[in-house]
Amino acid sequence: MPTKKSASKELRKSKKRVIINSLKKRSLKELIKKIRKSIAEGKVDESKKLAQEATKLLDKADKTNLMHKNTAARKKSRIFKAIKKASLKK
């Protein structure tokens, strides 16, 4: 346990950040799962709309250091590559 007042405040802040960051990561994972599911079902238009939302969230995650910028770029690239592949099959 922290002994100084500033250290205890920093611990409280850290706990809040952990909760917020885990919620953001969880929502991102769920959104990516929705996109993959809609692609598998052949709903290309729906997956494009979800991909735009995912791009926005991934950019924010990159900006706030929630994930590395290359990780965010890789995820975006794979999403759009899968959508393009699914649209060509139609």
Protein backbone atom coordinates (compact mmCIF):
# COMPACT_ATOMS: atom_id res chain seq x y z
CA MET A 1 0.00 0.00 0.00
CA PRO A 2 1.22 3.50 -0.79
CA THR A 3 2.33 5.62 2.12
CA LYS A 4 2.31 9.05 0.51
CA LYS A 5 -0.82 10.95 -0.38
CA SER A 6 0.22 11.44 -4.00
CA ALA A 7 1.00 7.75 -4.40
CA SER A 8 -2.43 6.73 -3.12
CA LYS A 9 -4.07 9.18 -5.54
CA GLU A 10 -2.03 7.75 -8.39
CA LEU A 11 -3.16 4.25 -7.42
CA ARG A 12 -6.82 5.34 -7.56
CA LYS A 13 -6.26 6.93 -10.96
CA SER A 14 -4.53 3.81 -12.20
CA LYS A 15 -7.42 1.58 -11.11
CA LYS A 16 -9.91 3.81 -12.96
CA ARG A 17 -7.76 3.75 -16.10
CA VAL A 18 -7.52 -0.04 -16.02
CA ILE A 19 -11.31 -0.32 -15.94
CA ILE A 20 -11.84 2.22 -18.73
CA ASN A 21 -9.14 0.69 -20.95
CA SER A 22 -10.48 -2.83 -20.49
CA LEU A 23 -13.98 -1.66 -21.44
CA LYS A 24 -12.63 0.01 -24.57
CA LYS A 25 -10.65 -3.08 -25.57
CA ARG A 26 -13.66 -5.30 -24.95
CA SER A 27 -15.91 -3.13 -27.13
CA LEU A 28 -13.33 -3.19 -29.90
CA LYS A 29 -13.09 -6.98 -29.77
CA GLU A 30 -16.88 -7.32 -29.85
CA LEU A 31 -17.14 -4.97 -32.82
CA ILE A 32 -14.52 -6.91 -34.76
CA LYS A 33 -16.39 -10.14 -34.00
CA LYS A 34 -19.61 -8.55 -35.32
CA ILE A 35 -17.82 -7.55 -38.51
CA ARG A 36 -16.43 -11.03 -39.05
CA LYS A 37 -19.85 -12.56 -38.41
CA SER A 38 -21.57 -10.23 -40.88
CA ILE A 39 -18.92 -11.03 -43.49
CA ALA A 40 -19.47 -14.75 -42.96
CA GLU A 41 -23.22 -14.26 -43.39
CA GLY A 42 -22.63 -12.31 -46.61
CA LYS A 43 -23.90 -8.96 -45.34
CA VAL A 44 -21.26 -6.81 -47.02
CA ASP A 45 -23.09 -3.47 -46.64
CA GLU A 46 -23.57 -3.98 -42.91
CA SER A 47 -19.95 -5.01 -42.47
CA LYS A 48 -18.78 -1.85 -44.30
CA LYS A 49 -20.73 0.36 -41.88
CA LEU A 50 -19.35 -1.55 -38.90
CA ALA A 51 -15.84 -1.30 -40.37
CA GLN A 52 -16.09 2.48 -40.47
CA GLU A 53 -17.05 2.48 -36.80
CA ALA A 54 -14.22 0.08 -36.01
CA THR A 55 -11.76 2.31 -37.87
CA LYS A 56 -12.80 5.24 -35.73
CA LEU A 57 -12.37 3.24 -32.51
CA LEU A 58 -9.04 1.79 -33.63
CA ASP A 59 -7.73 5.26 -34.47
CA LYS A 60 -8.75 6.49 -31.03
CA ALA A 61 -7.11 3.46 -29.41
CA ASP A 62 -3.94 4.21 -31.32
CA LYS A 63 -4.04 7.89 -30.37
CA THR A 64 -4.55 7.22 -26.66
CA ASN A 65 -1.87 4.48 -26.58
CA LEU A 66 -4.43 1.79 -25.83
CA MET A 67 -2.71 -0.27 -28.50
CA HIS A 68 0.32 0.15 -30.71
CA LYS A 69 -0.22 2.06 -33.94
CA ASN A 70 0.93 -0.86 -36.09
CA THR A 71 -1.49 -3.20 -34.31
CA ALA A 72 -4.37 -0.84 -35.06
CA ALA A 73 -3.26 -0.51 -38.68
CA ARG A 74 -2.98 -4.29 -39.04
CA LYS A 75 -6.47 -4.84 -37.66
CA LYS A 76 -7.96 -2.22 -39.99
CA SER A 77 -6.14 -3.71 -42.95
CA ARG A 78 -7.36 -7.23 -42.23
CA ILE A 79 -10.94 -6.07 -41.76
CA PHE A 80 -11.05 -4.22 -45.07
CA LYS A 81 -9.24 -7.03 -46.86
CA ALA A 82 -11.87 -9.51 -45.64
CA ILE A 83 -14.69 -7.17 -46.73
CA LYS A 84 -13.17 -6.77 -50.17
CA LYS A 85 -12.79 -10.52 -50.52
CA ALA A 86 -16.41 -11.07 -49.48
CA SER A 87 -17.70 -8.42 -51.90
CA LEU A 88 -15.85 -10.05 -54.80
CA LYS A 89 -17.52 -13.39 -54.05
CA LYS A 90 -20.96 -11.87 -54.56
